[in-house]
PDB file of N, CA and C in Angstrom:
ATOM      1  N   MET A   1      -6.955  45.618  55.856  1.00  0.00           N
ATOM      2  CA  MET A   1      -7.211  44.481  54.997  1.00  0.00           C
ATOM      3  C   MET A   1      -6.749  44.788  53.588  1.00  0.00           C
ATOM      4  N   GLY A   2      -6.256  43.771  52.900  1.00  0.00           N
ATOM      5  CA  GLY A   2      -5.828  43.920  51.516  1.00  0.00           C
ATOM      6  C   GLY A   2      -6.990  43.720  50.566  1.00  0.00           C
ATOM      7  N   ASN A   3      -6.689  43.699  49.306  1.00  0.00           N
ATOM      8  CA  ASN A   3      -7.712  43.468  48.285  1.00  0.00           C
ATOM      9  C   ASN A   3      -8.227  42.043  48.372  1.00  0.00           C
ATOM     10  N   VAL A   4      -9.513  41.875  48.205  1.00  0.00           N
ATOM     11  CA  VAL A   4     -10.130  40.551  48.203  1.00  0.00           C
ATOM     12  C   VAL A   4     -10.430  40.193  46.753  1.00  0.00           C
ATOM     13  N   THR A   5      -9.981  39.018  46.347  1.00  0.00           N
ATOM     14  CA  THR A   5     -10.240  38.557  44.983  1.00  0.00           C
ATOM     15  C   THR A   5     -11.656  38.018  44.910  1.00  0.00           C
ATOM     16  N   PRO A   6     -12.477  38.547  43.988  1.00  0.00           N
ATOM     17  CA  PRO A   6     -13.847  38.043  43.878  1.00  0.00           C
ATOM     18  C   PRO A   6     -13.866  36.612  43.352  1.00  0.00           C
ATOM     19  N   GLN A   7     -14.885  35.891  43.722  1.00  0.00           N
ATOM     20  CA  GLN A   7     -15.090  34.547  43.194  1.00  0.00           C
ATOM     21  C   GLN A   7     -15.882  34.654  41.902  1.00  0.00           C
ATOM     22  N   ILE A   8     -15.707  33.692  41.035  1.00  0.00           N
ATOM     23  CA  ILE A   8     -16.457  33.642  39.783  1.00  0.00           C
ATOM     24  C   ILE A   8     -17.752  32.890  40.054  1.00  0.00           C
ATOM     25  N   GLY A   9     -18.878  33.451  39.630  1.00  0.00           N
ATOM     26  CA  GLY A   9     -20.172  32.823  39.871  1.00  0.00           C
ATOM     27  C   GLY A   9     -20.901  32.533  38.570  1.00  0.00           C
ATOM     28  N   TRP A  10     -21.080  31.252  38.250  1.00  0.00           N
ATOM     29  CA  TRP A  10     -21.784  30.835  37.042  1.00  0.00           C
ATOM     30  C   TRP A  10     -23.182  30.361  37.386  1.00  0.00           C
ATOM     31  N   TYR A  11     -24.131  30.650  36.510  1.00  0.00           N
ATOM     32  CA  TYR A  11     -25.487  30.112  36.563  1.00  0.00           C
ATOM     33  C   TYR A  11     -25.765  29.607  35.150  1.00  0.00           C
ATOM     34  N   VAL A  12     -25.823  28.284  34.988  1.00  0.00           N
ATOM     35  CA  VAL A  12     -25.903  27.659  33.666  1.00  0.00           C
ATOM     36  C   VAL A  12     -27.112  26.739  33.618  1.00  0.00           C
ATOM     37  N   GLY A  13     -27.788  26.732  32.483  1.00  0.00           N
ATOM     38  CA  GLY A  13     -28.925  25.837  32.354  1.00  0.00           C
ATOM     39  C   GLY A  13     -29.646  26.015  31.037  1.00  0.00           C
ATOM     40  N   TYR A  14     -30.895  25.576  31.026  1.00  0.00           N
ATOM     41  CA  TYR A  14     -31.719  25.722  29.826  1.00  0.00           C
ATOM     42  C   TYR A  14     -33.165  25.932  30.238  1.00  0.00           C
ATOM     43  N   LEU A  15     -33.925  26.501  29.326  1.00  0.00           N
ATOM     44  CA  LEU A  15     -35.333  26.787  29.536  1.00  0.00           C
ATOM     45  C   LEU A  15     -36.101  26.230  28.353  1.00  0.00           C
ATOM     46  N   GLU A  16     -37.111  25.426  28.619  1.00  0.00           N
ATOM     47  CA  GLU A  16     -37.953  24.873  27.556  1.00  0.00           C
ATOM     48  C   GLU A  16     -39.260  25.640  27.509  1.00  0.00           C
ATOM     49  N   ARG A  17     -39.616  26.131  26.339  1.00  0.00           N
ATOM     50  CA  ARG A  17     -40.886  26.811  26.113  1.00  0.00           C
ATOM     51  C   ARG A  17     -41.474  26.291  24.815  1.00  0.00           C
ATOM     52  N   GLY A  18     -42.579  25.553  24.925  1.00  0.00           N
ATOM     53  CA  GLY A  18     -43.175  24.972  23.733  1.00  0.00           C
ATOM     54  C   GLY A  18     -42.193  24.022  23.070  1.00  0.00           C
ATOM     55  N   ASN A  19     -41.947  24.233  21.783  1.00  0.00           N
ATOM     56  CA  ASN A  19     -40.998  23.396  21.033  1.00  0.00           C
ATOM     57  C   ASN A  19     -39.589  23.963  21.033  1.00  0.00           C
ATOM     58  N   ASN A  20     -39.360  25.046  21.768  1.00  0.00           N
ATOM     59  CA  ASN A  20     -38.054  25.706  21.783  1.00  0.00           C
ATOM     60  C   ASN A  20     -37.303  25.415  23.077  1.00  0.00           C
ATOM     61  N   VAL A  21     -35.989  25.333  22.946  1.00  0.00           N
ATOM     62  CA  VAL A  21     -35.109  25.174  24.097  1.00  0.00           C
ATOM     63  C   VAL A  21     -34.092  26.307  24.040  1.00  0.00           C
ATOM     64  N   TYR A  22     -33.937  27.030  25.161  1.00  0.00           N
ATOM     65  CA  TYR A  22     -33.010  28.149  25.249  1.00  0.00           C
ATOM     66  C   TYR A  22     -31.930  27.805  26.272  1.00  0.00           C
ATOM     67  N   PHE A  23     -30.692  27.799  25.830  1.00  0.00           N
ATOM     68  CA  PHE A  23     -29.566  27.524  26.717  1.00  0.00           C
ATOM     69  C   PHE A  23     -28.976  28.845  27.177  1.00  0.00           C
ATOM     70  N   PHE A  24     -28.501  28.892  28.418  1.00  0.00           N
ATOM     71  CA  PHE A  24     -27.923  30.120  28.931  1.00  0.00           C
ATOM     72  C   PHE A  24     -26.748  29.832  29.861  1.00  0.00           C
ATOM     73  N   ALA A  25     -25.874  30.806  29.972  1.00  0.00           N
ATOM     74  CA  ALA A  25     -24.769  30.790  30.932  1.00  0.00           C
ATOM     75  C   ALA A  25     -24.562  32.233  31.378  1.00  0.00           C
ATOM     76  N   THR A  26     -24.835  32.488  32.644  1.00  0.00           N
ATOM     77  CA  THR A  26     -24.692  33.820  33.212  1.00  0.00           C
ATOM     78  C   THR A  26     -23.518  33.799  34.178  1.00  0.00           C
ATOM     79  N   ASN A  27     -22.604  34.743  34.027  1.00  0.00           N
ATOM     80  CA  ASN A  27     -21.406  34.792  34.856  1.00  0.00           C
ATOM     81  C   ASN A  27     -21.263  36.175  35.457  1.00  0.00           C
ATOM     82  N   ILE A  28     -21.098  36.228  36.776  1.00  0.00           N
ATOM     83  CA  ILE A  28     -20.791  37.500  37.431  1.00  0.00           C
ATOM     84  C   ILE A  28     -19.741  37.254  38.513  1.00  0.00           C
ATOM     85  N   ASP A  29     -19.039  38.307  38.885  1.00  0.00           N
ATOM     86  CA  ASP A  29     -18.107  38.220  40.004  1.00  0.00           C
ATOM     87  C   ASP A  29     -18.909  38.250  41.299  1.00  0.00           C
ATOM     88  N   ILE A  30     -18.620  37.328  42.197  1.00  0.00           N
ATOM     89  CA  ILE A  30     -19.283  37.266  43.494  1.00  0.00           C
ATOM     90  C   ILE A  30     -18.438  38.082  44.471  1.00  0.00           C
ATOM     91  N   ARG A  31     -18.967  39.233  44.851  1.00  0.00           N
ATOM     92  CA  ARG A  31     -18.235  40.126  45.757  1.00  0.00           C
ATOM     93  C   ARG A  31     -18.929  40.303  47.099  1.00  0.00           C
ATOM     94  N   ASN A  32     -20.239  39.962  47.162  1.00  0.00           N
ATOM     95  CA  ASN A  32     -20.956  40.061  48.431  1.00  0.00           C
ATOM     96  C   ASN A  32     -22.053  39.004  48.479  1.00  0.00           C
ATOM     97  N   LYS A  33     -22.762  38.928  49.602  1.00  0.00           N
ATOM     98  CA  LYS A  33     -23.758  37.873  49.821  1.00  0.00           C
ATOM     99  C   LYS A  33     -24.960  37.957  48.886  1.00  0.00           C
ATOM    100  N   LYS A  34     -25.228  39.135  48.317  1.00  0.00           N
ATOM    101  CA  LYS A  34     -26.386  39.299  47.442  1.00  0.00           C
ATOM    102  C   LYS A  34     -26.099  38.897  46.000  1.00  0.00           C
ATOM    103  N   ASP A  35     -24.850  38.819  45.621  1.00  0.00           N
ATOM    104  CA  ASP A  35     -24.497  38.546  44.229  1.00  0.00           C
ATOM    105  C   ASP A  35     -24.969  37.189  43.704  1.00  0.00           C
ATOM    106  N   PRO A  36     -24.886  36.096  44.481  1.00  0.00           N
ATOM    107  CA  PRO A  36     -25.359  34.817  43.922  1.00  0.00           C
ATOM    108  C   PRO A  36     -26.812  34.860  43.446  1.00  0.00           C
ATOM    109  N   SER A  37     -27.688  35.482  44.219  1.00  0.00           N
ATOM    110  CA  SER A  37     -29.085  35.556  43.800  1.00  0.00           C
ATOM    111  C   SER A  37     -29.270  36.523  42.631  1.00  0.00           C
ATOM    112  N   ALA A  38     -28.339  37.453  42.462  1.00  0.00           N
ATOM    113  CA  ALA A  38     -28.414  38.393  41.339  1.00  0.00           C
ATOM    114  C   ALA A  38     -28.259  37.673  40.005  1.00  0.00           C
ATOM    115  N   ARG A  39     -27.530  36.566  39.983  1.00  0.00           N
ATOM    116  CA  ARG A  39     -27.369  35.800  38.734  1.00  0.00           C
ATOM    117  C   ARG A  39     -28.718  35.333  38.219  1.00  0.00           C
ATOM    118  N   LEU A  40     -29.544  34.821  39.109  1.00  0.00           N
ATOM    119  CA  LEU A  40     -30.875  34.331  38.733  1.00  0.00           C
ATOM    120  C   LEU A  40     -31.741  35.488  38.231  1.00  0.00           C
ATOM    121  N   GLU A  41     -31.764  36.584  38.963  1.00  0.00           N
ATOM    122  CA  GLU A  41     -32.577  37.737  38.578  1.00  0.00           C
ATOM    123  C   GLU A  41     -32.128  38.308  37.240  1.00  0.00           C
ATOM    124  N   LEU A  42     -30.834  38.406  37.020  1.00  0.00           N
ATOM    125  CA  LEU A  42     -30.308  38.910  35.751  1.00  0.00           C
ATOM    126  C   LEU A  42     -30.725  38.010  34.592  1.00  0.00           C
ATOM    127  N   THR A  43     -30.648  36.709  34.783  1.00  0.00           N
ATOM    128  CA  THR A  43     -31.038  35.761  33.742  1.00  0.00           C
ATOM    129  C   THR A  43     -32.527  35.872  33.440  1.00  0.00           C
ATOM    130  N   ARG A  44     -33.350  35.979  34.484  1.00  0.00           N
ATOM    131  CA  ARG A  44     -34.800  36.134  34.284  1.00  0.00           C
ATOM    132  C   ARG A  44     -35.117  37.408  33.507  1.00  0.00           C
ATOM    133  N   ARG A  45     -34.450  38.493  33.846  1.00  0.00           N
ATOM    134  CA  ARG A  45     -34.692  39.762  33.139  1.00  0.00           C
ATOM    135  C   ARG A  45     -34.323  39.653  31.666  1.00  0.00           C
ATOM    136  N   CYS A  46     -33.244  38.970  31.384  1.00  0.00           N
ATOM    137  CA  CYS A  46     -32.840  38.785  29.977  1.00  0.00           C
ATOM    138  C   CYS A  46     -33.895  37.987  29.215  1.00  0.00           C
ATOM    139  N   PHE A  47     -34.394  36.905  29.812  1.00  0.00           N
ATOM    140  CA  PHE A  47     -35.441  36.118  29.154  1.00  0.00           C
ATOM    141  C   PHE A  47     -36.719  36.927  28.977  1.00  0.00           C
ATOM    142  N   LYS A  48     -37.048  37.781  29.930  1.00  0.00           N
ATOM    143  CA  LYS A  48     -38.225  38.636  29.799  1.00  0.00           C
ATOM    144  C   LYS A  48     -38.031  39.646  28.674  1.00  0.00           C
ATOM    145  N   ASP A  49     -36.835  40.218  28.589  1.00  0.00           N
ATOM    146  CA  ASP A  49     -36.532  41.165  27.501  1.00  0.00           C
ATOM    147  C   ASP A  49     -36.651  40.503  26.136  1.00  0.00           C
ATOM    148  N   LEU A  50     -36.335  39.212  26.078  1.00  0.00           N
ATOM    149  CA  LEU A  50     -36.427  38.458  24.825  1.00  0.00           C
ATOM    150  C   LEU A  50     -37.829  37.899  24.597  1.00  0.00           C
ATOM    151  N   ALA A  51     -38.758  38.205  25.518  1.00  0.00           N
ATOM    152  CA  ALA A  51     -40.149  37.732  25.453  1.00  0.00           C
ATOM    153  C   ALA A  51     -40.239  36.206  25.517  1.00  0.00           C
ATOM    154  N   VAL A  52     -39.324  35.587  26.250  1.00  0.00           N
ATOM    155  CA  VAL A  52     -39.347  34.139  26.435  1.00  0.00           C
ATOM    156  C   VAL A  52     -40.109  33.796  27.714  1.00  0.00           C
ATOM    157  N   LEU A  53     -40.052  34.655  28.695  1.00  0.00           N
ATOM    158  CA  LEU A  53     -40.804  34.465  29.952  1.00  0.00           C
ATOM    159  C   LEU A  53     -41.984  35.399  30.002  1.00  0.00           C
TER     160      LEU A  53
END
């Protein structure tokens, strides 16, 4: 088999907390079946690091 070109995977949206709105766009290369769900987990971890979640 030759090289497989990864697909681009975007997870875009916003989070409302109180009077604040946080917009986000998370992009990763989709190379296997677990990668799509990794976008959500990565975004959640970032919001937790920022003390938004």
